[in-house]
Amino acid sequence: MLMVFPMFGGVVSAHHSVAGYDTQKEVTQRGTIVEYNWRNPHVFVVWSVKDENGKVVQWTGEMNSPTSMIQVGMSKSSLKPGDEVILVINPSKTGNPLSIIRKISMADGKLVVDRFTPQ
C-alpha cells in the first residue's frame, strides 16, 4: 500500500503544477490561432507568432478545464483558427514555446478571457 503514493504522487502533483512555468514573468504576444482544443482536463490553444528574427514559431498554451473557463467567460466558440489575437502568458522556464495563458484579447482589443477578472 505504501508503494502507491510514491509511484503516483509525482503524477498527481505534476498534473496541476505550474512549476515548469515562470509565473513571475508575463509576456505579451500577438499571433494567429492555429488550433483551439476545448476538452478535459485542460483547454489548450496553439498559435503562431513571429520571433525577434522574423521566424514563425508555434506556441502552445494551457488553461484550466472547460468548466473553469466557462466561469470566467470563455466558451467552446470563443476562438477559431485564423483569429488574430493578443495573449498574455507565463512562458516555460525551459525556453520552449510552451505557456500558461493568462489573458486573450482579439486583435481589435475585444477581451476574450482574463482568467483573473470574471466577465
C-alpha atoms as a PDB file:
ATOM      1  CA  MET A   1       0.000   0.000   0.000  1.00  0.00           C
ATOM      2  CA  LEU A   2       2.832   2.393   0.702  1.00  0.00           C
ATOM      3  CA  MET A   3       4.104   1.946  -2.839  1.00  0.00           C
ATOM      4  CA  VAL A   4       1.013   3.551  -4.371  1.00  0.00           C
ATOM      5  CA  PHE A   5       1.834   7.089  -3.262  1.00  0.00           C
ATOM      6  CA  PRO A   6       5.491   7.041  -4.324  1.00  0.00           C
ATOM      7  CA  MET A   7       4.541   5.622  -7.725  1.00  0.00           C
ATOM      8  CA  PHE A   8       1.711   8.059  -8.446  1.00  0.00           C
ATOM      9  CA  GLY A   9       2.392  11.010  -6.158  1.00  0.00           C
ATOM     10  CA  GLY A  10       4.555  12.764  -8.747  1.00  0.00           C
ATOM     11  CA  VAL A  11       1.962  12.251 -11.457  1.00  0.00           C
ATOM     12  CA  VAL A  12      -0.817  13.669  -9.315  1.00  0.00           C
ATOM     13  CA  SER A  13       1.157  16.715  -8.218  1.00  0.00           C
ATOM     14  CA  ALA A  14       2.687  17.291 -11.663  1.00  0.00           C
ATOM     15  CA  HIS A  15      -0.713  17.331 -13.346  1.00  0.00           C
ATOM     16  CA  HIS A  16      -1.709  20.620 -11.705  1.00  0.00           C
ATOM     17  CA  SER A  17       1.721  22.093 -11.101  1.00  0.00           C
ATOM     18  CA  VAL A  18       2.878  25.302 -12.726  1.00  0.00           C
ATOM     19  CA  ALA A  19       6.442  24.704 -11.527  1.00  0.00           C
ATOM     20  CA  GLY A  20       7.712  24.492 -15.114  1.00  0.00           C
ATOM     21  CA  TYR A  21       6.441  27.988 -15.928  1.00  0.00           C
ATOM     22  CA  ASP A  22       7.803  31.389 -14.931  1.00  0.00           C
ATOM     23  CA  THR A  23       4.758  32.703 -13.081  1.00  0.00           C
ATOM     24  CA  GLN A  24       6.652  35.894 -12.183  1.00  0.00           C
ATOM     25  CA  LYS A  25       7.121  36.781 -15.857  1.00  0.00           C
ATOM     26  CA  GLU A  26       4.270  37.891 -18.102  1.00  0.00           C
ATOM     27  CA  VAL A  27       4.893  38.111 -21.840  1.00  0.00           C
ATOM     28  CA  THR A  28       2.518  39.691 -24.341  1.00  0.00           C
ATOM     29  CA  GLN A  29       2.393  38.153 -27.806  1.00  0.00           C
ATOM     30  CA  ARG A  30       0.452  38.993 -30.955  1.00  0.00           C
ATOM     31  CA  GLY A  31      -0.320  35.902 -33.005  1.00  0.00           C
ATOM     32  CA  THR A  32      -2.740  33.831 -35.064  1.00  0.00           C
ATOM     33  CA  ILE A  33      -4.764  30.940 -33.653  1.00  0.00           C
ATOM     34  CA  VAL A  34      -3.762  27.626 -35.237  1.00  0.00           C
ATOM     35  CA  GLU A  35      -5.708  25.244 -33.004  1.00  0.00           C
ATOM     36  CA  TYR A  36      -8.188  25.536 -30.138  1.00  0.00           C
ATOM     37  CA  ASN A  37      -8.830  22.399 -28.081  1.00  0.00           C
ATOM     38  CA  TRP A  38     -11.818  22.723 -25.766  1.00  0.00           C
ATOM     39  CA  ARG A  39     -11.653  19.458 -23.819  1.00  0.00           C
ATOM     40  CA  ASN A  40     -10.889  17.995 -20.425  1.00  0.00           C
ATOM     41  CA  PRO A  41      -8.738  18.029 -18.486  1.00  0.00           C
ATOM     42  CA  HIS A  42      -7.482  21.387 -19.864  1.00  0.00           C
ATOM     43  CA  VAL A  43      -8.212  23.832 -22.645  1.00  0.00           C
ATOM     44  CA  PHE A  44      -5.225  24.170 -24.993  1.00  0.00           C
ATOM     45  CA  VAL A  45      -4.543  26.908 -27.526  1.00  0.00           C
ATOM     46  CA  VAL A  46      -1.910  26.744 -30.269  1.00  0.00           C
ATOM     47  CA  TRP A  47      -0.935  29.964 -32.027  1.00  0.00           C
ATOM     48  CA  SER A  48       1.784  31.162 -34.360  1.00  0.00           C
ATOM     49  CA  VAL A  49       3.896  34.202 -33.636  1.00  0.00           C
ATOM     50  CA  LYS A  50       6.978  35.729 -35.237  1.00  0.00           C
ATOM     51  CA  ASP A  51      10.065  35.687 -33.036  1.00  0.00           C
ATOM     52  CA  GLU A  52      12.618  38.524 -32.867  1.00  0.00           C
ATOM     53  CA  ASN A  53      14.276  37.182 -36.047  1.00  0.00           C
ATOM     54  CA  GLY A  54      11.008  37.084 -38.018  1.00  0.00           C
ATOM     55  CA  LYS A  55      10.782  33.278 -37.857  1.00  0.00           C
ATOM     56  CA  VAL A  56       7.270  31.900 -37.299  1.00  0.00           C
ATOM     57  CA  VAL A  57       7.086  29.851 -34.096  1.00  0.00           C
ATOM     58  CA  GLN A  58       4.099  27.845 -32.887  1.00  0.00           C
ATOM     59  CA  TRP A  59       3.339  28.260 -29.199  1.00  0.00           C
ATOM     60  CA  THR A  60       1.107  26.069 -27.067  1.00  0.00           C
ATOM     61  CA  GLY A  61      -0.720  27.448 -24.077  1.00  0.00           C
ATOM     62  CA  GLU A  62      -2.613  25.683 -21.350  1.00  0.00           C
ATOM     63  CA  MET A  63      -5.643  26.943 -19.489  1.00  0.00           C
ATOM     64  CA  ASN A  64      -7.905  25.393 -16.864  1.00  0.00           C
ATOM     65  CA  SER A  65     -10.695  22.906 -17.538  1.00  0.00           C
ATOM     66  CA  PRO A  66     -13.597  23.883 -19.804  1.00  0.00           C
ATOM     67  CA  THR A  67     -15.863  24.137 -16.745  1.00  0.00           C
ATOM     68  CA  SER A  68     -13.478  26.566 -15.068  1.00  0.00           C
ATOM     69  CA  MET A  69     -13.061  28.582 -18.245  1.00  0.00           C
ATOM     70  CA  ILE A  70     -16.840  28.938 -18.631  1.00  0.00           C
ATOM     71  CA  GLN A  71     -16.866  30.535 -15.179  1.00  0.00           C
ATOM     72  CA  VAL A  72     -14.540  33.302 -16.405  1.00  0.00           C
ATOM     73  CA  GLY A  73     -16.469  33.951 -19.623  1.00  0.00           C
ATOM     74  CA  MET A  74     -14.934  31.642 -22.223  1.00  0.00           C
ATOM     75  CA  SER A  75     -16.812  29.154 -24.409  1.00  0.00           C
ATOM     76  CA  LYS A  76     -16.190  26.441 -26.963  1.00  0.00           C
ATOM     77  CA  SER A  77     -16.740  29.026 -29.712  1.00  0.00           C
ATOM     78  CA  SER A  78     -14.561  31.810 -28.247  1.00  0.00           C
ATOM     79  CA  LEU A  79     -11.689  31.176 -30.678  1.00  0.00           C
ATOM     80  CA  LYS A  80     -11.219  29.681 -34.103  1.00  0.00           C
ATOM     81  CA  PRO A  81      -8.227  29.019 -36.362  1.00  0.00           C
ATOM     82  CA  GLY A  82      -7.191  32.194 -38.164  1.00  0.00           C
ATOM     83  CA  ASP A  83      -8.246  34.567 -35.377  1.00  0.00           C
ATOM     84  CA  GLU A  84      -5.694  37.315 -34.757  1.00  0.00           C
ATOM     85  CA  VAL A  85      -5.153  37.575 -31.015  1.00  0.00           C
ATOM     86  CA  ILE A  86      -3.082  39.187 -28.294  1.00  0.00           C
ATOM     87  CA  LEU A  87      -2.106  36.828 -25.483  1.00  0.00           C
ATOM     88  CA  VAL A  88      -0.598  37.446 -22.068  1.00  0.00           C
ATOM     89  CA  ILE A  89       1.279  34.341 -20.967  1.00  0.00           C
ATOM     90  CA  ASN A  90       3.634  32.899 -18.377  1.00  0.00           C
ATOM     91  CA  PRO A  91       6.329  31.217 -20.509  1.00  0.00           C
ATOM     92  CA  SER A  92       8.033  27.901 -19.847  1.00  0.00           C
ATOM     93  CA  LYS A  93      11.215  28.083 -17.782  1.00  0.00           C
ATOM     94  CA  THR A  94      12.909  25.846 -20.370  1.00  0.00           C
ATOM     95  CA  GLY A  95      12.681  28.383 -23.177  1.00  0.00           C
ATOM     96  CA  ASN A  96      10.438  26.069 -25.196  1.00  0.00           C
ATOM     97  CA  PRO A  97       7.338  27.678 -26.770  1.00  0.00           C
ATOM     98  CA  LEU A  98       5.011  26.459 -24.001  1.00  0.00           C
ATOM     99  CA  SER A  99       2.994  28.586 -21.611  1.00  0.00           C
ATOM    100  CA  ILE A 100       0.196  29.136 -19.173  1.00  0.00           C
ATOM    101  CA  ILE A 101      -2.285  31.573 -20.759  1.00  0.00           C
ATOM    102  CA  ARG A 102      -3.438  34.415 -18.514  1.00  0.00           C
ATOM    103  CA  LYS A 103      -5.376  36.629 -20.910  1.00  0.00           C
ATOM    104  CA  ILE A 104      -6.558  36.601 -24.525  1.00  0.00           C
ATOM    105  CA  SER A 105      -7.901  39.554 -26.499  1.00  0.00           C
ATOM    106  CA  MET A 106      -8.823  39.792 -30.144  1.00  0.00           C
ATOM    107  CA  ALA A 107      -6.551  41.968 -32.303  1.00  0.00           C
ATOM    108  CA  ASP A 108      -9.142  44.783 -32.095  1.00  0.00           C
ATOM    109  CA  GLY A 109      -8.831  44.776 -28.292  1.00  0.00           C
ATOM    110  CA  LYS A 110     -12.062  42.904 -27.511  1.00  0.00           C
ATOM    111  CA  LEU A 111     -11.419  40.780 -24.431  1.00  0.00           C
ATOM    112  CA  VAL A 112     -11.917  37.026 -24.896  1.00  0.00           C
ATOM    113  CA  VAL A 113     -10.861  35.982 -21.410  1.00  0.00           C
ATOM    114  CA  ASP A 114      -8.926  37.298 -18.453  1.00  0.00           C
ATOM    115  CA  ARG A 115      -8.535  34.384 -16.088  1.00  0.00           C
ATOM    116  CA  PHE A 116      -8.310  36.667 -13.075  1.00  0.00           C
ATOM    117  CA  THR A 117     -11.182  39.034 -13.836  1.00  0.00           C
ATOM    118  CA  PRO A 118     -14.684  37.488 -14.071  1.00  0.00           C
ATOM    119  CA  GLN A 119     -16.520  38.670 -17.182  1.00  0.00           C
END
